[in-house]
């Protein structure tokens, strides 16, 4: 995803606009461009946050599964050692 700075984007839109535009029109263009870029930026941030949460959830599950499996193996190993020592 491309990171957009709303104020820089809006300024670039005004700077690249026609010299025929009045100051009022340029200010209106700046405001509209800023709003569009800001909404896009917020949407991207929200999407990226969701993706990070999903990845973190998957990794947490993987770690828990790994830990659980190894804990079970360790438990069985200890039980086997105890059984051998009792014989």
N, C-alpha and C. Protein backbone atom coordinates (compact mmCIF):
# COMPACT_ATOMS: atom_id res chain seq x y z
N UNK A 1 0.83 -1.18 0.00
CA UNK A 1 0.00 0.00 0.00
C UNK A 1 0.87 1.25 0.00
N UNK A 2 0.36 2.26 -0.59
CA UNK A 2 1.08 3.52 -0.65
C UNK A 2 0.64 4.39 0.51
N UNK A 3 1.59 4.95 1.23
CA UNK A 3 1.28 5.85 2.33
C UNK A 3 1.06 7.25 1.77
N UNK A 4 -0.07 7.83 2.12
CA UNK A 4 -0.41 9.16 1.61
C UNK A 4 -0.51 10.15 2.77
N UNK A 5 0.21 11.24 2.65
CA UNK A 5 0.11 12.34 3.60
C UNK A 5 -0.96 13.29 3.03
N UNK A 6 -2.11 13.41 3.70
CA UNK A 6 -3.21 14.20 3.14
C UNK A 6 -2.85 15.65 2.82
N UNK A 7 -2.10 16.30 3.70
CA UNK A 7 -1.78 17.71 3.45
C UNK A 7 -0.82 17.88 2.27
N UNK A 8 0.15 16.97 2.15
CA UNK A 8 1.08 17.06 1.02
C UNK A 8 0.37 16.72 -0.29
N UNK A 9 -0.53 15.75 -0.23
CA UNK A 9 -1.29 15.38 -1.43
C UNK A 9 -2.16 16.55 -1.88
N UNK A 10 -2.86 17.15 -0.94
CA UNK A 10 -3.75 18.27 -1.27
C UNK A 10 -2.95 19.44 -1.85
N UNK A 11 -1.80 19.72 -1.26
CA UNK A 11 -0.95 20.80 -1.76
C UNK A 11 -0.47 20.49 -3.18
N UNK A 12 -0.10 19.25 -3.44
CA UNK A 12 0.34 18.86 -4.78
C UNK A 12 -0.79 19.02 -5.79
N UNK A 13 -2.01 18.70 -5.38
CA UNK A 13 -3.16 18.88 -6.27
C UNK A 13 -3.34 20.35 -6.64
N UNK A 14 -3.22 21.21 -5.65
CA UNK A 14 -3.38 22.65 -5.90
C UNK A 14 -2.24 23.17 -6.77
N UNK A 15 -1.03 22.75 -6.46
CA UNK A 15 0.12 23.23 -7.23
C UNK A 15 0.07 22.78 -8.68
N UNK A 16 -0.54 21.62 -8.92
CA UNK A 16 -0.60 21.13 -10.29
C UNK A 16 -1.89 21.55 -11.01
N UNK A 17 -2.71 22.31 -10.32
CA UNK A 17 -3.97 22.75 -10.93
C UNK A 17 -3.74 23.92 -11.88
N UNK A 18 -4.76 24.26 -12.58
CA UNK A 18 -4.70 25.34 -13.57
C UNK A 18 -4.44 26.69 -12.91
N UNK A 19 -3.66 27.51 -13.58
CA UNK A 19 -3.43 28.88 -13.10
C UNK A 19 -4.70 29.72 -13.22
N UNK A 20 -5.67 29.21 -13.97
CA UNK A 20 -6.92 29.92 -14.19
C UNK A 20 -7.85 29.88 -12.96
N UNK A 21 -7.58 28.96 -12.02
CA UNK A 21 -8.44 28.84 -10.84
C UNK A 21 -8.25 30.03 -9.91
N UNK A 22 -9.36 30.46 -9.32
CA UNK A 22 -9.29 31.54 -8.34
C UNK A 22 -8.74 30.99 -7.03
N UNK A 23 -8.38 31.88 -6.14
CA UNK A 23 -7.87 31.46 -4.83
C UNK A 23 -8.94 30.64 -4.10
N UNK A 24 -10.17 31.08 -4.21
CA UNK A 24 -11.28 30.35 -3.57
C UNK A 24 -11.40 28.93 -4.15
N UNK A 25 -11.30 28.82 -5.48
CA UNK A 25 -11.38 27.50 -6.12
C UNK A 25 -10.20 26.61 -5.69
N UNK A 26 -9.03 27.22 -5.57
CA UNK A 26 -7.86 26.45 -5.14
C UNK A 26 -8.01 25.98 -3.69
N UNK A 27 -8.59 26.84 -2.86
CA UNK A 27 -8.82 26.44 -1.48
C UNK A 27 -9.85 25.31 -1.42
N UNK A 28 -10.88 25.40 -2.23
CA UNK A 28 -11.89 24.34 -2.29
C UNK A 28 -11.25 23.04 -2.79
N UNK A 29 -10.41 23.14 -3.80
CA UNK A 29 -9.71 21.97 -4.32
C UNK A 29 -8.83 21.35 -3.24
N UNK A 30 -8.12 22.20 -2.50
CA UNK A 30 -7.27 21.72 -1.41
C UNK A 30 -8.10 20.95 -0.39
N UNK A 31 -9.22 21.53 0.03
CA UNK A 31 -10.08 20.89 1.04
C UNK A 31 -10.60 19.54 0.55
N UNK A 32 -11.09 19.50 -0.68
CA UNK A 32 -11.63 18.25 -1.22
C UNK A 32 -10.54 17.19 -1.36
N UNK A 33 -9.38 17.59 -1.86
CA UNK A 33 -8.28 16.64 -2.03
C UNK A 33 -7.80 16.12 -0.66
N UNK A 34 -7.76 17.01 0.32
CA UNK A 34 -7.35 16.62 1.67
C UNK A 34 -8.32 15.59 2.25
N UNK A 35 -9.61 15.85 2.12
CA UNK A 35 -10.62 14.95 2.66
C UNK A 35 -10.51 13.57 2.01
N UNK A 36 -10.39 13.52 0.70
CA UNK A 36 -10.27 12.24 -0.01
C UNK A 36 -9.02 11.48 0.45
N UNK A 37 -7.89 12.18 0.51
CA UNK A 37 -6.63 11.54 0.92
C UNK A 37 -6.69 11.09 2.38
N UNK A 38 -7.30 11.90 3.22
CA UNK A 38 -7.42 11.56 4.64
C UNK A 38 -8.29 10.32 4.83
N UNK A 39 -9.39 10.25 4.12
CA UNK A 39 -10.26 9.07 4.21
C UNK A 39 -9.54 7.82 3.73
N UNK A 40 -8.80 7.94 2.64
CA UNK A 40 -8.05 6.81 2.12
C UNK A 40 -6.98 6.37 3.12
N UNK A 41 -6.30 7.33 3.71
CA UNK A 41 -5.26 7.03 4.69
C UNK A 41 -5.85 6.31 5.90
N UNK A 42 -6.99 6.78 6.39
CA UNK A 42 -7.64 6.14 7.53
C UNK A 42 -8.11 4.73 7.18
N UNK A 43 -8.63 4.56 5.98
CA UNK A 43 -9.08 3.24 5.52
C UNK A 43 -7.90 2.28 5.45
N UNK A 44 -6.77 2.75 4.92
CA UNK A 44 -5.57 1.91 4.83
C UNK A 44 -5.06 1.54 6.22
N UNK A 45 -5.06 2.50 7.13
CA UNK A 45 -4.60 2.23 8.49
C UNK A 45 -5.49 1.19 9.15
N UNK A 46 -6.79 1.32 8.96
CA UNK A 46 -7.74 0.36 9.54
C UNK A 46 -7.50 -1.04 8.95
N UNK A 47 -7.30 -1.09 7.65
CA UNK A 47 -7.06 -2.38 6.98
C UNK A 47 -5.75 -3.00 7.45
N UNK A 48 -4.71 -2.19 7.56
CA UNK A 48 -3.42 -2.70 8.02
C UNK A 48 -3.50 -3.19 9.46
N UNK A 49 -4.24 -2.47 10.30
CA UNK A 49 -4.42 -2.88 11.68
C UNK A 49 -5.13 -4.23 11.75
N UNK A 50 -6.15 -4.41 10.92
CA UNK A 50 -6.87 -5.68 10.89
C UNK A 50 -5.96 -6.82 10.43
N UNK A 51 -5.14 -6.55 9.42
CA UNK A 51 -4.21 -7.57 8.93
C UNK A 51 -3.21 -7.97 10.01
N UNK A 52 -2.71 -6.99 10.74
CA UNK A 52 -1.75 -7.26 11.81
C UNK A 52 -2.43 -8.09 12.91
N UNK A 53 -3.66 -7.76 13.26
CA UNK A 53 -4.38 -8.52 14.27
C UNK A 53 -4.58 -9.97 13.83
N UNK A 54 -4.91 -10.16 12.56
CA UNK A 54 -5.11 -11.51 12.05
C UNK A 54 -3.81 -12.31 12.10
N UNK A 55 -2.72 -11.69 11.68
CA UNK A 55 -1.41 -12.36 11.71
C UNK A 55 -1.02 -12.68 13.15
N UNK A 56 -1.23 -11.73 14.05
CA UNK A 56 -0.88 -11.94 15.46
C UNK A 56 -1.71 -13.08 16.04
N UNK A 57 -2.99 -13.13 15.68
CA UNK A 57 -3.84 -14.21 16.17
C UNK A 57 -3.38 -15.56 15.69
N UNK A 58 -2.98 -15.65 14.41
CA UNK A 58 -2.48 -16.91 13.86
C UNK A 58 -1.18 -17.32 14.54
N UNK A 59 -0.29 -16.35 14.73
CA UNK A 59 1.01 -16.66 15.36
C UNK A 59 0.80 -17.07 16.81
N UNK A 60 -0.12 -16.42 17.51
CA UNK A 60 -0.40 -16.78 18.90
C UNK A 60 -0.90 -18.22 18.97
N UNK A 61 -1.79 -18.59 18.05
CA UNK A 61 -2.30 -19.96 18.01
C UNK A 61 -1.16 -20.94 17.73
N UNK A 62 -0.29 -20.59 16.79
CA UNK A 62 0.84 -21.47 16.47
C UNK A 62 1.74 -21.67 17.69
N UNK A 63 2.00 -20.59 18.41
CA UNK A 63 2.86 -20.68 19.59
C UNK A 63 2.19 -21.53 20.66
N UNK A 64 0.90 -21.30 20.87
CA UNK A 64 0.18 -22.10 21.88
C UNK A 64 0.16 -23.57 21.49
N UNK A 65 -0.08 -23.85 20.22
CA UNK A 65 -0.09 -25.24 19.76
C UNK A 65 1.28 -25.88 19.96
N UNK A 66 2.33 -25.16 19.58
CA UNK A 66 3.69 -25.66 19.73
C UNK A 66 4.02 -25.92 21.20
N UNK A 67 3.68 -24.96 22.05
CA UNK A 67 3.95 -25.10 23.47
C UNK A 67 3.16 -26.27 24.05
N UNK A 68 1.92 -26.39 23.64
CA UNK A 68 1.09 -27.48 24.14
C UNK A 68 1.63 -28.84 23.73
N UNK A 69 2.04 -28.95 22.48
CA UNK A 69 2.60 -30.22 22.00
C UNK A 69 3.87 -30.58 22.77
N UNK A 70 4.74 -29.60 22.95
CA UNK A 70 6.00 -29.86 23.65
C UNK A 70 5.76 -30.14 25.12
N UNK A 71 4.77 -29.51 25.70
CA UNK A 71 4.44 -29.78 27.09
C UNK A 71 3.95 -31.21 27.25
N UNK A 72 3.12 -31.65 26.31
CA UNK A 72 2.64 -33.03 26.35
C UNK A 72 3.79 -34.02 26.19
N UNK A 73 4.71 -33.74 25.27
CA UNK A 73 5.86 -34.61 25.08
C UNK A 73 6.71 -34.67 26.34
N UNK A 74 6.92 -33.52 26.97
CA UNK A 74 7.72 -33.47 28.19
C UNK A 74 7.02 -34.24 29.30
N UNK A 75 5.72 -34.09 29.39
CA UNK A 75 4.93 -34.80 30.40
C UNK A 75 5.07 -36.31 30.22
N UNK A 76 4.94 -36.77 28.99
CA UNK A 76 5.07 -38.20 28.71
C UNK A 76 6.49 -38.70 29.02
N UNK A 77 7.47 -37.89 28.70
CA UNK A 77 8.86 -38.27 28.97
C UNK A 77 9.09 -38.40 30.47
N UNK A 78 8.56 -37.48 31.25
CA UNK A 78 8.71 -37.54 32.70
C UNK A 78 8.00 -38.76 33.25
N UNK A 79 6.78 -39.02 32.75
CA UNK A 79 6.04 -40.20 33.20
C UNK A 79 6.83 -41.48 32.90
N UNK A 80 7.40 -41.56 31.72
CA UNK A 80 8.19 -42.74 31.34
C UNK A 80 9.41 -42.89 32.25
N UNK A 81 10.08 -41.80 32.55
CA UNK A 81 11.23 -41.86 33.44
C UNK A 81 10.82 -42.32 34.84
N UNK A 82 9.71 -41.79 35.31
CA UNK A 82 9.22 -42.18 36.63
C UNK A 82 8.84 -43.65 36.66
N UNK A 83 8.19 -44.12 35.60
CA UNK A 83 7.81 -45.52 35.52
C UNK A 83 9.03 -46.43 35.50
N UNK A 84 10.05 -46.01 34.79
CA UNK A 84 11.29 -46.81 34.72
C UNK A 84 11.99 -46.86 36.07
N UNK A 85 11.98 -45.72 36.77
CA UNK A 85 12.67 -45.68 38.06
C UNK A 85 11.94 -46.47 39.12
N UNK A 86 10.64 -46.65 38.97
CA UNK A 86 9.85 -47.43 39.94
C UNK A 86 10.06 -48.93 39.75
N UNK A 87 10.50 -49.33 38.61
CA UNK A 87 10.67 -50.77 38.31
C UNK A 87 11.94 -51.31 38.84
